[in-house]
Amino acid sequence: MSWDPTWEQVFRSRPWGRYPPEELVRFIAIEFPDDSVRSQLKILDLGCGTGASLWYLIREGFDTYGLDGSKTAVEIAKKRLSEEKLGASVNVGDLAALPYLKGTFDCAIDVVAIQHNTSESITRILREVRRVLKPHGKLFSMMIKRGSWGWGLGERIEPATLASIREGPFAGMGRVHFFSKHEIVGMLRTAGFRVTAIELSSRTRSSMTRVIAHYVVLAQKA
């Protein structure tokens, strides 16, 4: 299983965000502007966590599915959605062995979930995502940029993957793979995707002395 069990403790011990990132909101508004057809479109939230993006996607009218390795996270997500009478299929599972048939989804989203894997697992996950997407299906992903806060502050388990990061947003969150733009393009092409856009979204902390930057990646099943 690709999922890092560290996350079970994370979800048990920390409150989590309730709202999706603005980058996802912008993607949905641009790529799926016609809300009259959204109920016919299936979207998979990869590493859905406690359901922030699920909550948004359901309210926007999509046929929404979520998968996460953490039983605790899935239970929290289901409880929140149930309390607001929002319906979605949310399950515990492995992103590297998706429990869905080939060609099921119109779109898959990854809000900083895939990055918490080794290079080998990331390649397997991307191939699985391609498998479950329909022809020309879309992938939205946010991946941490190499050099962001946390880079170089942990145990290096492979050239760009760290564990036991000592400070910053990834402290206590298991392994993290830090990406370069060139690497992202190569991984996606190898997995059978065509990259349609890569942008950079960044913010600062500690009076602008710390930078946290994510590549915002849009790709399409080739």
Protein backbone atom coordinates (compact mmCIF):
# COMPACT_ATOMS: atom_id res chain seq x y z
CA MET A 1 0.00 0.00 0.00
CA SER A 2 1.39 3.42 -0.98
CA TRP A 3 -0.36 5.28 1.86
CA ASP A 4 1.79 6.35 4.80
CA PRO A 5 0.17 5.20 8.11
CA THR A 6 1.55 8.34 9.77
CA TRP A 7 -1.54 10.08 8.42
CA GLU A 8 -3.87 8.05 10.62
CA GLN A 9 -2.32 9.73 13.67
CA VAL A 10 -2.35 13.12 11.93
CA PHE A 11 -6.09 12.94 11.30
CA ARG A 12 -6.75 11.70 14.82
CA SER A 13 -4.80 14.47 16.52
CA ARG A 14 -5.20 17.63 14.40
CA PRO A 15 -8.16 19.71 13.29
CA TRP A 16 -8.24 19.98 9.51
CA GLY A 17 -9.29 22.57 6.97
CA ARG A 18 -12.95 22.82 6.07
CA TYR A 19 -12.66 24.63 2.74
CA PRO A 20 -10.99 23.85 -0.60
CA PRO A 21 -8.02 25.85 -1.90
CA GLU A 22 -8.75 28.75 -4.23
CA GLU A 23 -6.70 27.00 -6.94
CA LEU A 24 -9.28 24.21 -7.10
CA VAL A 25 -12.17 26.66 -7.12
CA ARG A 26 -10.57 28.50 -10.04
CA PHE A 27 -9.96 25.23 -11.93
CA ILE A 28 -13.58 24.16 -11.60
CA ALA A 29 -14.90 27.57 -12.67
CA ILE A 30 -12.71 27.62 -15.79
CA GLU A 31 -12.86 23.97 -16.87
CA PHE A 32 -16.52 23.22 -16.03
CA PRO A 33 -18.41 26.51 -16.44
CA ASP A 34 -21.74 24.93 -17.45
CA ASP A 35 -23.33 23.90 -14.17
CA SER A 36 -26.30 22.37 -15.99
CA VAL A 37 -24.22 19.32 -16.98
CA ARG A 38 -22.19 18.88 -13.80
CA SER A 39 -24.49 16.20 -12.38
CA GLN A 40 -23.47 14.01 -15.32
CA LEU A 41 -19.75 14.37 -14.59
CA LYS A 42 -17.94 12.02 -12.21
CA ILE A 43 -15.06 13.52 -10.20
CA LEU A 44 -12.65 11.57 -7.99
CA ASP A 45 -10.95 13.30 -5.05
CA LEU A 46 -7.62 11.51 -4.54
CA GLY A 47 -6.58 11.52 -0.89
CA CYS A 48 -9.81 13.26 0.09
CA GLY A 49 -8.86 13.60 3.76
CA THR A 50 -11.66 14.95 5.93
CA GLY A 51 -13.67 16.15 2.96
CA ALA A 52 -12.98 19.84 2.30
CA SER A 53 -12.84 19.39 -1.48
CA LEU A 54 -15.63 16.79 -1.45
CA TRP A 55 -17.89 19.28 0.32
CA TYR A 56 -17.19 21.87 -2.38
CA LEU A 57 -17.53 19.55 -5.37
CA ILE A 58 -20.85 18.12 -4.20
CA ARG A 59 -22.26 21.59 -3.63
CA GLU A 60 -21.12 22.53 -7.14
CA GLY A 61 -23.30 19.73 -8.52
CA PHE A 62 -20.82 17.00 -9.50
CA ASP A 63 -21.23 13.24 -9.05
CA THR A 64 -18.47 13.06 -6.45
CA TYR A 65 -16.25 10.24 -5.17
CA GLY A 66 -13.51 10.31 -2.55
CA LEU A 67 -10.75 7.91 -1.52
CA ASP A 68 -8.25 8.10 1.33
CA GLY A 69 -5.99 5.65 3.13
CA SER A 70 -7.03 6.91 6.56
CA LYS A 71 -10.10 5.33 8.11
CA THR A 72 -10.30 8.23 10.56
CA ALA A 73 -10.28 10.83 7.77
CA VAL A 74 -12.99 9.01 5.83
CA GLU A 75 -15.18 8.73 8.93
CA ILE A 76 -14.84 12.47 9.58
CA ALA A 77 -15.63 13.27 5.94
CA LYS A 78 -18.71 11.05 5.93
CA LYS A 79 -19.97 12.59 9.18
CA ARG A 80 -19.59 16.12 7.85
CA LEU A 81 -21.33 15.33 4.58
CA SER A 82 -24.13 13.49 6.37
CA GLU A 83 -24.72 16.42 8.73
CA GLU A 84 -25.15 18.72 5.73
CA LYS A 85 -27.20 16.14 3.80
CA LEU A 86 -24.63 15.96 1.00
CA GLY A 87 -24.21 12.69 -0.86
CA ALA A 88 -20.96 11.19 -2.14
CA SER A 89 -19.24 7.82 -2.36
CA VAL A 90 -16.32 8.04 0.10
CA ASN A 91 -14.14 5.02 0.86
CA VAL A 92 -10.88 3.86 2.40
CA GLY A 93 -8.40 2.67 -0.20
CA ASP A 94 -4.98 2.86 -1.82
CA LEU A 95 -4.27 5.49 -4.48
CA ALA A 96 -1.83 3.07 -6.14
CA ALA A 97 -4.58 0.45 -6.56
CA LEU A 98 -7.77 2.41 -7.20
CA PRO A 99 -10.95 0.34 -6.63
CA TYR A 100 -12.70 1.64 -9.74
CA LEU A 101 -13.25 0.36 -13.26
CA LYS A 102 -11.32 1.61 -16.25
CA GLY A 103 -12.73 4.81 -17.74
CA THR A 104 -15.03 5.70 -14.82
CA PHE A 105 -14.23 9.38 -14.19
CA ASP A 106 -14.33 12.61 -16.16
CA CYS A 107 -11.85 14.27 -13.80
CA ALA A 108 -9.55 13.48 -10.88
CA ILE A 109 -8.26 16.02 -8.39
CA ASP A 110 -5.23 15.84 -6.14
CA VAL A 111 -4.97 18.54 -3.50
CA VAL A 112 -1.45 17.91 -2.10
CA ALA A 113 -2.01 14.18 -1.54
CA ILE A 114 0.13 12.51 -4.22
CA GLN A 115 3.18 14.44 -3.01
CA HIS A 116 3.25 12.37 0.20
CA ASN A 117 4.70 9.35 -1.58
CA THR A 118 7.99 8.06 -2.98
CA SER A 119 8.84 8.50 -6.65
CA GLU A 120 7.96 4.88 -7.40
CA SER A 121 4.56 5.16 -5.73
CA ILE A 122 3.81 8.46 -7.46
CA THR A 123 4.42 6.83 -10.84
CA ARG A 124 2.08 3.95 -9.94
CA ILE A 125 -0.58 6.36 -8.70
CA LEU A 126 -0.50 8.44 -11.88
CA ARG A 127 -0.86 5.32 -14.01
CA GLU A 128 -3.83 4.23 -11.93
CA VAL A 129 -5.41 7.67 -12.25
CA ARG A 130 -5.02 7.49 -16.02
CA ARG A 131 -6.64 4.04 -16.04
CA VAL A 132 -9.79 5.18 -14.25
CA LEU A 133 -10.20 8.36 -16.32
CA LYS A 134 -12.38 8.46 -19.42
CA PRO A 135 -10.74 9.32 -22.77
CA HIS A 136 -9.49 12.93 -22.53
CA GLY A 137 -10.30 12.94 -18.81
CA LYS A 138 -8.69 15.74 -16.80
CA LEU A 139 -6.31 15.74 -13.84
CA PHE A 140 -5.88 18.66 -11.44
CA SER A 141 -2.94 18.39 -9.05
CA MET A 142 -1.09 20.53 -6.53
CA MET A 143 2.51 19.43 -5.88
CA ILE A 144 5.03 21.02 -3.53
CA LYS A 145 7.95 22.78 -5.21
CA ARG A 146 11.50 21.78 -4.45
CA GLY A 147 13.08 24.39 -2.17
CA SER A 148 9.88 25.16 -0.28
CA TRP A 149 9.89 25.34 3.51
CA GLY A 150 10.84 21.90 4.77
CA TRP A 151 13.24 21.09 1.94
CA GLY A 152 16.52 19.93 3.47
CA LEU A 153 15.08 19.79 7.00
CA GLY A 154 14.46 16.06 7.30
CA GLU A 155 15.73 12.57 6.61
CA ARG A 156 16.41 12.09 2.91
CA ILE A 157 15.05 8.70 1.84
CA GLU A 158 15.62 9.27 -1.87
CA PRO A 159 16.96 12.25 -3.89
CA ALA A 160 13.82 14.42 -3.61
CA THR A 161 11.82 12.66 -0.89
CA LEU A 162 12.20 13.50 2.79
CA ALA A 163 10.79 12.03 5.98
CA SER A 164 10.76 13.26 9.59
CA ILE A 165 10.78 16.91 8.54
CA ARG A 166 11.62 19.00 11.59
CA GLU A 167 9.74 22.25 10.98
CA GLY A 168 7.24 23.94 8.73
CA PRO A 169 3.92 22.73 7.29
CA PHE A 170 5.14 19.15 6.81
CA ALA A 171 6.48 18.53 10.31
CA GLY A 172 4.97 15.30 11.60
CA MET A 173 3.42 14.41 8.23
CA GLY A 174 5.58 11.48 7.17
CA ARG A 175 7.30 11.50 3.81
CA VAL A 176 7.10 14.36 1.31
CA HIS A 177 8.31 14.40 -2.27
CA PHE A 178 9.47 17.83 -3.47
CA PHE A 179 9.04 18.33 -7.22
CA SER A 180 10.74 20.18 -10.03
CA LYS A 181 8.71 21.29 -13.05
CA HIS A 182 10.80 19.09 -15.34
CA GLU A 183 10.16 16.07 -13.14
CA ILE A 184 6.40 16.64 -13.12
CA VAL A 185 6.25 16.81 -16.90
CA GLY A 186 8.33 13.64 -17.20
CA MET A 187 6.27 11.68 -14.69
CA LEU A 188 2.98 12.65 -16.30
CA ARG A 189 4.15 11.86 -19.82
CA THR A 190 5.46 8.48 -18.67
CA ALA A 191 2.08 7.75 -17.10
CA GLY A 192 0.25 8.61 -20.32
CA PHE A 193 -0.84 12.21 -19.73
CA ARG A 194 -0.52 15.36 -21.80
CA VAL A 195 0.36 18.35 -19.65
CA THR A 196 -1.87 21.30 -20.55
CA ALA A 197 -0.69 23.84 -17.97
CA ILE A 198 1.65 24.28 -15.03
CA GLU A 199 1.43 27.37 -12.86
CA LEU A 200 3.00 28.30 -9.52
CA SER A 201 1.05 29.24 -6.41
CA SER A 202 3.05 30.46 -3.42
CA ARG A 203 2.59 32.04 -0.01
CA THR A 204 4.96 33.17 2.71
CA ARG A 205 5.14 32.73 6.47
CA SER A 206 7.19 34.24 9.31
CA SER A 207 7.32 37.77 7.87
CA MET A 208 8.11 36.48 4.38
CA THR A 209 11.17 34.51 5.52
CA ARG A 210 9.59 31.15 4.65
CA VAL A 211 8.13 30.29 1.26
CA ILE A 212 5.64 27.50 0.52
CA ALA A 213 5.13 27.07 -3.22
CA HIS A 214 3.03 24.53 -5.09
CA TYR A 215 2.96 23.70 -8.76
CA VAL A 216 -0.65 23.76 -9.96
CA VAL A 217 -0.78 21.13 -12.67
CA LEU A 218 -3.44 20.50 -15.29
CA ALA A 219 -3.15 17.41 -17.46
CA GLN A 220 -5.30 15.32 -19.76
CA LYS A 221 -5.39 11.62 -20.47
CA ALA A 222 -3.49 11.20 -23.72
